[in-house]
């Protein structure tokens, strides 16, 4: 089974690209892949419960693993309790493990 890690580092509210990449993640799952969306830098803004990022809710329903970089969260003053229930804080070690296991990476 194919494994993908999509890394989102941009502010999800600056354009339509975030939604398009979420659609890609959902399509990969539908075709049998295992997918992780790792939110880095300003990408963690989508993970806040108050952000109402409906794309992430859709991905969670499809079985995409949703992770937000702990360092980026701290830098932006976002606590784990402020994250949407389907988004989990994670260290960069989790990303490195995915990469080491041979996942295909798409970085934005």
C-alpha atoms as a PDB file:
ATOM      1  CA  UNK A   1       0.000   0.000   0.000  1.00  0.00           C
ATOM      2  CA  UNK A   2       1.288   3.457  -0.865  1.00  0.00           C
ATOM      3  CA  UNK A   3       1.961   5.909   1.919  1.00  0.00           C
ATOM      4  CA  UNK A   4       1.935   9.687   1.512  1.00  0.00           C
ATOM      5  CA  UNK A   5       2.792  12.610   3.744  1.00  0.00           C
ATOM      6  CA  UNK A   6       1.423  15.959   2.680  1.00  0.00           C
ATOM      7  CA  UNK A   7       3.185  18.817   4.429  1.00  0.00           C
ATOM      8  CA  UNK A   8       1.247  22.049   4.640  1.00  0.00           C
ATOM      9  CA  UNK A   9       3.338  25.019   5.726  1.00  0.00           C
ATOM     10  CA  UNK A  10       1.308  27.915   4.355  1.00  0.00           C
ATOM     11  CA  UNK A  11      -1.539  29.823   5.935  1.00  0.00           C
ATOM     12  CA  UNK A  12      -4.596  27.878   4.767  1.00  0.00           C
ATOM     13  CA  UNK A  13      -6.713  31.016   4.515  1.00  0.00           C
ATOM     14  CA  UNK A  14      -4.536  32.852   1.982  1.00  0.00           C
ATOM     15  CA  UNK A  15      -5.864  31.098  -1.091  1.00  0.00           C
ATOM     16  CA  UNK A  16      -7.576  28.066  -2.584  1.00  0.00           C
ATOM     17  CA  UNK A  17      -4.497  25.852  -2.606  1.00  0.00           C
ATOM     18  CA  UNK A  18      -5.144  24.362   0.826  1.00  0.00           C
ATOM     19  CA  UNK A  19      -8.534  23.038  -0.221  1.00  0.00           C
ATOM     20  CA  UNK A  20      -7.094  21.594  -3.410  1.00  0.00           C
ATOM     21  CA  UNK A  21      -4.388  19.746  -1.496  1.00  0.00           C
ATOM     22  CA  UNK A  22      -7.008  18.408   0.920  1.00  0.00           C
ATOM     23  CA  UNK A  23      -8.968  17.121  -2.079  1.00  0.00           C
ATOM     24  CA  UNK A  24      -5.794  15.392  -3.265  1.00  0.00           C
ATOM     25  CA  UNK A  25      -5.322  13.760   0.154  1.00  0.00           C
ATOM     26  CA  UNK A  26      -8.904  12.470   0.119  1.00  0.00           C
ATOM     27  CA  UNK A  27      -8.480  11.120  -3.415  1.00  0.00           C
ATOM     28  CA  UNK A  28      -5.301   9.281  -2.419  1.00  0.00           C
ATOM     29  CA  UNK A  29      -7.152   7.578   0.438  1.00  0.00           C
ATOM     30  CA  UNK A  30     -10.027   6.608  -1.846  1.00  0.00           C
ATOM     31  CA  UNK A  31      -7.464   4.922  -4.093  1.00  0.00           C
ATOM     32  CA  UNK A  32      -6.097   2.886  -1.186  1.00  0.00           C
ATOM     33  CA  UNK A  33      -3.191   4.971   0.076  1.00  0.00           C
ATOM     34  CA  UNK A  34      -2.343   5.764   3.658  1.00  0.00           C
ATOM     35  CA  UNK A  35      -2.149   9.542   4.065  1.00  0.00           C
ATOM     36  CA  UNK A  36      -0.844  11.853   6.771  1.00  0.00           C
ATOM     37  CA  UNK A  37      -1.314  15.619   6.609  1.00  0.00           C
ATOM     38  CA  UNK A  38       1.392  17.306   8.664  1.00  0.00           C
ATOM     39  CA  UNK A  39       0.742  20.967   9.454  1.00  0.00           C
ATOM     40  CA  UNK A  40       3.926  23.023   9.811  1.00  0.00           C
ATOM     41  CA  UNK A  41       4.700  26.719  10.227  1.00  0.00           C
ATOM     42  CA  UNK A  42       1.562  28.764   9.392  1.00  0.00           C
ATOM     43  CA  UNK A  43      -0.206  25.606   8.293  1.00  0.00           C
ATOM     44  CA  UNK A  44      -0.983  24.902  11.961  1.00  0.00           C
ATOM     45  CA  UNK A  45      -3.506  27.742  11.859  1.00  0.00           C
ATOM     46  CA  UNK A  46      -5.931  25.364  10.124  1.00  0.00           C
ATOM     47  CA  UNK A  47      -5.745  22.973  13.075  1.00  0.00           C
ATOM     48  CA  UNK A  48      -7.347  25.305  15.590  1.00  0.00           C
ATOM     49  CA  UNK A  49     -10.844  24.306  16.641  1.00  0.00           C
ATOM     50  CA  UNK A  50     -12.032  27.843  16.015  1.00  0.00           C
ATOM     51  CA  UNK A  51     -10.622  27.850  12.469  1.00  0.00           C
ATOM     52  CA  UNK A  52     -13.553  25.811  11.185  1.00  0.00           C
ATOM     53  CA  UNK A  53     -11.389  24.222   8.518  1.00  0.00           C
ATOM     54  CA  UNK A  54     -14.053  21.932   7.110  1.00  0.00           C
ATOM     55  CA  UNK A  55     -11.495  20.370   4.799  1.00  0.00           C
ATOM     56  CA  UNK A  56      -9.779  18.831   7.812  1.00  0.00           C
ATOM     57  CA  UNK A  57     -13.054  17.401   9.104  1.00  0.00           C
ATOM     58  CA  UNK A  58     -13.575  15.765   5.712  1.00  0.00           C
ATOM     59  CA  UNK A  59     -10.061  14.325   5.769  1.00  0.00           C
ATOM     60  CA  UNK A  60     -10.556  12.939   9.261  1.00  0.00           C
ATOM     61  CA  UNK A  61     -13.716  11.156   8.066  1.00  0.00           C
ATOM     62  CA  UNK A  62     -11.687   9.644   5.204  1.00  0.00           C
ATOM     63  CA  UNK A  63      -9.097   8.314   7.667  1.00  0.00           C
ATOM     64  CA  UNK A  64      -6.290  10.793   7.006  1.00  0.00           C
ATOM     65  CA  UNK A  65      -3.979  11.238   9.995  1.00  0.00           C
ATOM     66  CA  UNK A  66      -3.863  14.942  10.902  1.00  0.00           C
ATOM     67  CA  UNK A  67      -0.799  16.164  12.801  1.00  0.00           C
ATOM     68  CA  UNK A  68       0.327  19.663  13.792  1.00  0.00           C
ATOM     69  CA  UNK A  69       3.941  20.500  14.593  1.00  0.00           C
ATOM     70  CA  UNK A  70       4.345  21.156  18.320  1.00  0.00           C
ATOM     71  CA  UNK A  71       7.047  23.769  17.791  1.00  0.00           C
ATOM     72  CA  UNK A  72       4.965  25.738  15.275  1.00  0.00           C
ATOM     73  CA  UNK A  73       2.011  25.576  17.660  1.00  0.00           C
ATOM     74  CA  UNK A  74       4.103  26.971  20.536  1.00  0.00           C
ATOM     75  CA  UNK A  75       5.528  29.714  18.315  1.00  0.00           C
ATOM     76  CA  UNK A  76       2.002  30.831  17.480  1.00  0.00           C
ATOM     77  CA  UNK A  77       0.658  30.533  21.016  1.00  0.00           C
ATOM     78  CA  UNK A  78      -1.686  27.662  20.173  1.00  0.00           C
ATOM     79  CA  UNK A  79      -2.158  25.057  22.893  1.00  0.00           C
ATOM     80  CA  UNK A  80      -3.057  21.413  22.325  1.00  0.00           C
ATOM     81  CA  UNK A  81      -6.432  22.134  23.916  1.00  0.00           C
ATOM     82  CA  UNK A  82      -7.190  24.677  21.197  1.00  0.00           C
ATOM     83  CA  UNK A  83      -6.774  22.135  18.400  1.00  0.00           C
ATOM     84  CA  UNK A  84      -9.741  20.570  16.669  1.00  0.00           C
ATOM     85  CA  UNK A  85     -10.432  17.100  18.040  1.00  0.00           C
ATOM     86  CA  UNK A  86      -9.190  15.352  14.913  1.00  0.00           C
ATOM     87  CA  UNK A  87      -5.814  17.182  14.874  1.00  0.00           C
ATOM     88  CA  UNK A  88      -3.058  15.877  17.122  1.00  0.00           C
ATOM     89  CA  UNK A  89       0.111  17.716  18.123  1.00  0.00           C
ATOM     90  CA  UNK A  90       3.285  15.935  17.053  1.00  0.00           C
ATOM     91  CA  UNK A  91       7.009  16.488  17.072  1.00  0.00           C
ATOM     92  CA  UNK A  92       9.078  16.594  13.923  1.00  0.00           C
ATOM     93  CA  UNK A  93      10.278  13.135  14.930  1.00  0.00           C
ATOM     94  CA  UNK A  94       6.899  11.784  13.789  1.00  0.00           C
ATOM     95  CA  UNK A  95       7.483  13.334  10.380  1.00  0.00           C
ATOM     96  CA  UNK A  96      11.006  11.916  10.180  1.00  0.00           C
ATOM     97  CA  UNK A  97       9.668   8.454  11.046  1.00  0.00           C
ATOM     98  CA  UNK A  98       7.132   8.658   8.212  1.00  0.00           C
ATOM     99  CA  UNK A  99       9.854   9.715   5.800  1.00  0.00           C
ATOM    100  CA  UNK A 100      12.179   6.982   7.008  1.00  0.00           C
ATOM    101  CA  UNK A 101       9.454   4.411   6.415  1.00  0.00           C
ATOM    102  CA  UNK A 102       9.419   5.375   2.737  1.00  0.00           C
ATOM    103  CA  UNK A 103       6.390   7.640   2.489  1.00  0.00           C
ATOM    104  CA  UNK A 104       6.100   9.825  -0.593  1.00  0.00           C
ATOM    105  CA  UNK A 105       6.293  13.470   0.416  1.00  0.00           C
ATOM    106  CA  UNK A 106       4.401  16.405  -1.093  1.00  0.00           C
ATOM    107  CA  UNK A 107       5.444  19.699   0.510  1.00  0.00           C
ATOM    108  CA  UNK A 108       3.707  23.011   0.196  1.00  0.00           C
END
